[in-house]
């Protein structure tokens, strides 16, 4: 280790891939830990393998993977 500080994420952007995390609403839960979500601009299929999300929940999605349930 060099002792350098790793910069914190800022403005909702991942420092690893420069992608953003987006709040979306779960419309349908599918098999294989997938879900259809409403992005506000259409519907997409995302993985919900890391969270316990149900229909109507608002989840935070990063790179196609739900990383948190914001509200249920």
C-alpha atoms as a PDB file:
ATOM      1  CA  UNK A   1       0.000   0.000   0.000  1.00  0.00           C
ATOM      2  CA  UNK A   2       1.183   3.477  -0.766  1.00  0.00           C
ATOM      3  CA  UNK A   3      -0.674   5.173   2.039  1.00  0.00           C
ATOM      4  CA  UNK A   4      -2.614   7.258  -0.481  1.00  0.00           C
ATOM      5  CA  UNK A   5      -6.241   7.887   0.327  1.00  0.00           C
ATOM      6  CA  UNK A   6      -8.779   6.416  -2.044  1.00  0.00           C
ATOM      7  CA  UNK A   7     -11.174   9.141  -3.208  1.00  0.00           C
ATOM      8  CA  UNK A   8     -14.735   8.790  -2.002  1.00  0.00           C
ATOM      9  CA  UNK A   9     -17.628   8.408  -4.397  1.00  0.00           C
ATOM     10  CA  UNK A  10     -19.148  11.757  -5.252  1.00  0.00           C
ATOM     11  CA  UNK A  11     -22.276  13.016  -6.997  1.00  0.00           C
ATOM     12  CA  UNK A  12     -23.720   9.476  -7.017  1.00  0.00           C
ATOM     13  CA  UNK A  13     -21.015   8.242  -9.395  1.00  0.00           C
ATOM     14  CA  UNK A  14     -19.011   5.055  -8.853  1.00  0.00           C
ATOM     15  CA  UNK A  15     -15.263   5.712  -8.791  1.00  0.00           C
ATOM     16  CA  UNK A  16     -14.621   2.254 -10.243  1.00  0.00           C
ATOM     17  CA  UNK A  17     -16.723   2.392 -13.398  1.00  0.00           C
ATOM     18  CA  UNK A  18     -18.056   5.982 -13.536  1.00  0.00           C
ATOM     19  CA  UNK A  19     -21.607   4.611 -13.666  1.00  0.00           C
ATOM     20  CA  UNK A  20     -24.418   6.024 -11.545  1.00  0.00           C
ATOM     21  CA  UNK A  21     -26.845   4.321  -9.191  1.00  0.00           C
ATOM     22  CA  UNK A  22     -30.479   4.959 -10.089  1.00  0.00           C
ATOM     23  CA  UNK A  23     -33.697   4.683  -8.069  1.00  0.00           C
ATOM     24  CA  UNK A  24     -36.326   2.572  -9.854  1.00  0.00           C
ATOM     25  CA  UNK A  25     -39.648   0.941  -8.887  1.00  0.00           C
ATOM     26  CA  UNK A  26     -40.146  -2.834  -8.989  1.00  0.00           C
ATOM     27  CA  UNK A  27     -43.051  -3.738 -11.283  1.00  0.00           C
ATOM     28  CA  UNK A  28     -42.697  -7.530 -11.374  1.00  0.00           C
ATOM     29  CA  UNK A  29     -40.511 -10.103  -9.648  1.00  0.00           C
ATOM     30  CA  UNK A  30     -39.297 -12.837 -12.010  1.00  0.00           C
ATOM     31  CA  UNK A  31     -37.621 -16.220 -11.552  1.00  0.00           C
ATOM     32  CA  UNK A  32     -33.868 -16.514 -11.034  1.00  0.00           C
ATOM     33  CA  UNK A  33     -33.727 -13.428  -8.747  1.00  0.00           C
ATOM     34  CA  UNK A  34     -34.584 -10.983 -11.515  1.00  0.00           C
ATOM     35  CA  UNK A  35     -37.139  -8.176 -11.584  1.00  0.00           C
ATOM     36  CA  UNK A  36     -38.764  -5.862 -14.096  1.00  0.00           C
ATOM     37  CA  UNK A  37     -38.426  -2.247 -12.986  1.00  0.00           C
ATOM     38  CA  UNK A  38     -39.885   1.074 -14.098  1.00  0.00           C
ATOM     39  CA  UNK A  39     -37.083   3.558 -14.710  1.00  0.00           C
ATOM     40  CA  UNK A  40     -39.369   6.486 -15.467  1.00  0.00           C
ATOM     41  CA  UNK A  41     -38.282   6.222 -19.099  1.00  0.00           C
ATOM     42  CA  UNK A  42     -39.358   2.632 -19.673  1.00  0.00           C
ATOM     43  CA  UNK A  43     -38.962  -0.818 -18.206  1.00  0.00           C
ATOM     44  CA  UNK A  44     -35.800  -2.849 -17.708  1.00  0.00           C
ATOM     45  CA  UNK A  45     -34.858  -6.214 -16.255  1.00  0.00           C
ATOM     46  CA  UNK A  46     -32.380  -6.124 -13.362  1.00  0.00           C
ATOM     47  CA  UNK A  47     -30.917  -8.559 -10.855  1.00  0.00           C
ATOM     48  CA  UNK A  48     -32.313  -8.455  -7.309  1.00  0.00           C
ATOM     49  CA  UNK A  49     -30.040 -11.228  -6.027  1.00  0.00           C
ATOM     50  CA  UNK A  50     -28.432  -9.011  -3.374  1.00  0.00           C
ATOM     51  CA  UNK A  51     -31.617  -7.513  -1.890  1.00  0.00           C
ATOM     52  CA  UNK A  52     -35.079  -8.533  -0.696  1.00  0.00           C
ATOM     53  CA  UNK A  53     -37.261  -6.537  -3.068  1.00  0.00           C
ATOM     54  CA  UNK A  54     -40.921  -6.925  -3.896  1.00  0.00           C
ATOM     55  CA  UNK A  55     -43.447  -5.365  -6.236  1.00  0.00           C
ATOM     56  CA  UNK A  56     -43.857  -1.666  -5.433  1.00  0.00           C
ATOM     57  CA  UNK A  57     -40.473  -1.311  -3.720  1.00  0.00           C
ATOM     58  CA  UNK A  58     -38.105   1.440  -4.779  1.00  0.00           C
ATOM     59  CA  UNK A  59     -34.609   0.045  -5.234  1.00  0.00           C
ATOM     60  CA  UNK A  60     -31.216   1.496  -5.990  1.00  0.00           C
ATOM     61  CA  UNK A  61     -29.681  -0.111  -9.102  1.00  0.00           C
ATOM     62  CA  UNK A  62     -26.058   0.082 -10.183  1.00  0.00           C
ATOM     63  CA  UNK A  63     -24.791  -1.652 -13.335  1.00  0.00           C
ATOM     64  CA  UNK A  64     -27.953  -3.771 -13.611  1.00  0.00           C
ATOM     65  CA  UNK A  65     -27.764  -5.000 -10.002  1.00  0.00           C
ATOM     66  CA  UNK A  66     -30.057  -3.855  -7.189  1.00  0.00           C
ATOM     67  CA  UNK A  67     -27.806  -2.782  -4.322  1.00  0.00           C
ATOM     68  CA  UNK A  68     -30.361  -1.456  -1.823  1.00  0.00           C
ATOM     69  CA  UNK A  69     -34.071  -1.182  -1.088  1.00  0.00           C
ATOM     70  CA  UNK A  70     -34.773   2.523  -0.642  1.00  0.00           C
ATOM     71  CA  UNK A  71     -38.432   2.206   0.351  1.00  0.00           C
ATOM     72  CA  UNK A  72     -41.071  -0.473   0.453  1.00  0.00           C
END
